[in-house]
Each structure stands twice: as C-alpha cells, then as structure tokens.
C-alpha atoms as a PDB file:
ATOM      1  CA  UNK A   1      56.138 -58.782-136.789  1.00  0.00           C
ATOM      2  CA  UNK A   2      58.483 -60.121-133.972  1.00  0.00           C
ATOM      3  CA  UNK A   3      60.271 -63.586-133.996  1.00  0.00           C
ATOM      4  CA  UNK A   4      58.651 -66.163-131.922  1.00  0.00           C
ATOM      5  CA  UNK A   5      60.557 -68.683-129.801  1.00  0.00           C
ATOM      6  CA  UNK A   6      59.130 -71.688-127.748  1.00  0.00           C
ATOM      7  CA  UNK A   7      59.991 -72.765-124.383  1.00  0.00           C
ATOM      8  CA  UNK A   8      60.046 -76.607-123.852  1.00  0.00           C
ATOM      9  CA  UNK A   9      57.184 -76.109-121.534  1.00  0.00           C
ATOM     10  CA  UNK A  10      55.096 -74.610-124.180  1.00  0.00           C
ATOM     11  CA  UNK A  11      56.172 -77.344-126.491  1.00  0.00           C
ATOM     12  CA  UNK A  12      54.947 -80.047-124.259  1.00  0.00           C
ATOM     13  CA  UNK A  13      51.435 -78.525-124.051  1.00  0.00           C
ATOM     14  CA  UNK A  14      51.101 -78.044-127.767  1.00  0.00           C
ATOM     15  CA  UNK A  15      52.142 -81.784-128.277  1.00  0.00           C
ATOM     16  CA  UNK A  16      48.807 -82.675-126.616  1.00  0.00           C
ATOM     17  CA  UNK A  17      46.370 -80.571-128.623  1.00  0.00           C
ATOM     18  CA  UNK A  18      44.439 -81.849-131.465  1.00  0.00           C
ATOM     19  CA  UNK A  19      44.607 -80.464-135.084  1.00  0.00           C
ATOM     20  CA  UNK A  20      41.574 -78.071-134.825  1.00  0.00           C
ATOM     21  CA  UNK A  21      42.922 -76.868-131.333  1.00  0.00           C
ATOM     22  CA  UNK A  22      46.276 -76.328-133.145  1.00  0.00           C
ATOM     23  CA  UNK A  23      44.881 -73.955-135.975  1.00  0.00           C
ATOM     24  CA  UNK A  24      43.054 -72.020-133.062  1.00  0.00           C
ATOM     25  CA  UNK A  25      46.507 -71.512-131.253  1.00  0.00           C
ATOM     26  CA  UNK A  26      48.317 -70.742-134.442  1.00  0.00           C
ATOM     27  CA  UNK A  27      45.868 -67.642-135.092  1.00  0.00           C
ATOM     28  CA  UNK A  28      46.588 -66.692-131.427  1.00  0.00           C
ATOM     29  CA  UNK A  29      50.320 -66.949-131.747  1.00  0.00           C
ATOM     30  CA  UNK A  30      49.944 -64.624-134.950  1.00  0.00           C
ATOM     31  CA  UNK A  31      48.092 -62.011-133.170  1.00  0.00           C
ATOM     32  CA  UNK A  32      50.870 -62.008-130.477  1.00  0.00           C
ATOM     33  CA  UNK A  33      53.469 -61.937-133.095  1.00  0.00           C
ATOM     34  CA  UNK A  34      51.728 -58.988-134.699  1.00  0.00           C
ATOM     35  CA  UNK A  35      51.229 -57.031-131.505  1.00  0.00           C
ATOM     36  CA  UNK A  36      53.524 -58.323-128.755  1.00  0.00           C
ATOM     37  CA  UNK A  37      52.062 -56.080-125.983  1.00  0.00           C
ATOM     38  CA  UNK A  38      48.848 -57.672-126.381  1.00  0.00           C
ATOM     39  CA  UNK A  39      47.325 -59.235-123.309  1.00  0.00           C
ATOM     40  CA  UNK A  40      47.606 -58.728-119.591  1.00  0.00           C
ATOM     41  CA  UNK A  41      50.516 -57.643-118.212  1.00  0.00           C
ATOM     42  CA  UNK A  42      51.444 -59.066-114.899  1.00  0.00           C
ATOM     43  CA  UNK A  43      53.020 -57.924-111.498  1.00  0.00           C
ATOM     44  CA  UNK A  44      55.197 -59.105-108.878  1.00  0.00           C
ATOM     45  CA  UNK A  45      56.798 -62.313-109.269  1.00  0.00           C
ATOM     46  CA  UNK A  46      55.643 -62.445-112.669  1.00  0.00           C
ATOM     47  CA  UNK A  47      56.580 -59.129-114.015  1.00  0.00           C
ATOM     48  CA  UNK A  48      57.549 -58.802-117.940  1.00  0.00           C
ATOM     49  CA  UNK A  49      55.168 -61.683-118.518  1.00  0.00           C
ATOM     50  CA  UNK A  50      52.008 -61.018-120.422  1.00  0.00           C
ATOM     51  CA  UNK A  51      48.966 -63.352-120.651  1.00  0.00           C
ATOM     52  CA  UNK A  52      46.708 -63.546-123.742  1.00  0.00           C
ATOM     53  CA  UNK A  53      43.343 -65.150-123.319  1.00  0.00           C
ATOM     54  CA  UNK A  54      41.518 -66.664-126.088  1.00  0.00           C
ATOM     55  CA  UNK A  55      38.713 -69.342-126.840  1.00  0.00           C
ATOM     56  CA  UNK A  56      39.720 -72.742-127.856  1.00  0.00           C
ATOM     57  CA  UNK A  57      36.434 -74.506-128.493  1.00  0.00           C
ATOM     58  CA  UNK A  58      34.455 -73.650-125.854  1.00  0.00           C
ATOM     59  CA  UNK A  59      37.129 -73.412-123.126  1.00  0.00           C
ATOM     60  CA  UNK A  60      39.159 -70.253-122.244  1.00  0.00           C
ATOM     61  CA  UNK A  61      42.865 -70.753-122.587  1.00  0.00           C
ATOM     62  CA  UNK A  62      45.704 -68.789-121.348  1.00  0.00           C
ATOM     63  CA  UNK A  63      48.966 -68.314-123.313  1.00  0.00           C
ATOM     64  CA  UNK A  64      51.824 -66.586-121.388  1.00  0.00           C
ATOM     65  CA  UNK A  65      54.816 -64.626-123.203  1.00  0.00           C
ATOM     66  CA  UNK A  66      57.444 -62.164-122.751  1.00  0.00           C
ATOM     67  CA  UNK A  67      58.489 -59.643-125.376  1.00  0.00           C
ATOM     68  CA  UNK A  68      62.244 -58.531-125.543  1.00  0.00           C
ATOM     69  CA  UNK A  69      61.707 -55.371-127.415  1.00  0.00           C
ATOM     70  CA  UNK A  70      65.470 -54.801-128.054  1.00  0.00           C
ATOM     71  CA  UNK A  71      65.672 -58.341-129.922  1.00  0.00           C
ATOM     72  CA  UNK A  72      62.312 -58.075-131.408  1.00  0.00           C
ATOM     73  CA  UNK A  73      61.631 -61.670-129.999  1.00  0.00           C
ATOM     74  CA  UNK A  74      58.418 -62.902-128.439  1.00  0.00           C
ATOM     75  CA  UNK A  75      59.075 -66.031-126.035  1.00  0.00           C
ATOM     76  CA  UNK A  76      56.167 -68.263-125.558  1.00  0.00           C
ATOM     77  CA  UNK A  77      56.272 -69.586-122.049  1.00  0.00           C
ATOM     78  CA  UNK A  78      53.251 -71.661-121.100  1.00  0.00           C
ATOM     79  CA  UNK A  79      49.670 -72.597-122.464  1.00  0.00           C
ATOM     80  CA  UNK A  80      46.761 -74.105-120.549  1.00  0.00           C
ATOM     81  CA  UNK A  81      43.516 -73.504-118.689  1.00  0.00           C
ATOM     82  CA  UNK A  82      43.042 -71.139-115.690  1.00  0.00           C
ATOM     83  CA  UNK A  83      43.352 -73.910-113.184  1.00  0.00           C
ATOM     84  CA  UNK A  84      46.791 -73.894-111.489  1.00  0.00           C
ATOM     85  CA  UNK A  85      48.223 -71.870-114.545  1.00  0.00           C
ATOM     86  CA  UNK A  86      49.728 -69.210-112.649  1.00  0.00           C
ATOM     87  CA  UNK A  87      50.974 -71.163-109.958  1.00  0.00           C
ATOM     88  CA  UNK A  88      52.636 -73.261-112.360  1.00  0.00           C
ATOM     89  CA  UNK A  89      54.145 -70.584-114.483  1.00  0.00           C
ATOM     90  CA  UNK A  90      55.866 -69.057-111.078  1.00  0.00           C
ATOM     91  CA  UNK A  91      57.461 -72.359-110.502  1.00  0.00           C
END
C-alpha cells in the first residue's frame, strides 16, 4: 500500500465535507492507496496526473492524484465536481 500525502488544496476541499461524505471519500482514498494506477491518466498540461471518479451520495466526484512509483507515494491533489475541475487543477 502506498503512502498518501495531501496538498493544501485537497485539505481545504475535505474540510467542507459532511461526515458521511468523508466516509465515502475515505473508501476512495483507500482504493487509490491500494492501487495507485487506478483512474484515468491525463495528457498534455496534466501529464502524470490521474483522475479517479466515484459517487458521493448522488453526485459524481473527481479526485486527482499523482503516483511517485520510486518513492511509493500517492499525492492527492484536488477533489470536486466536474464543473471547472480541470481548469482549477491546471492553474
């Protein structure tokens, strides 16, 4: 299982979640830690970034992460709905 680190952007997004939503996020993070190559690999400006999609309640949530294989580290970058997700991630 990979070591998981969080960016400040990710931490801010998590603070806004309700308890039930945090439980659903925890299971998604566990899935990523168990298999860091899970999710869709991005190209271009976001090369090296993977986006894992999961359901939080009835909403589709995107969780972006990077995997540093040589160190065994997964870095959680951002969390949110699809609207403006990639634009915000790119900036």
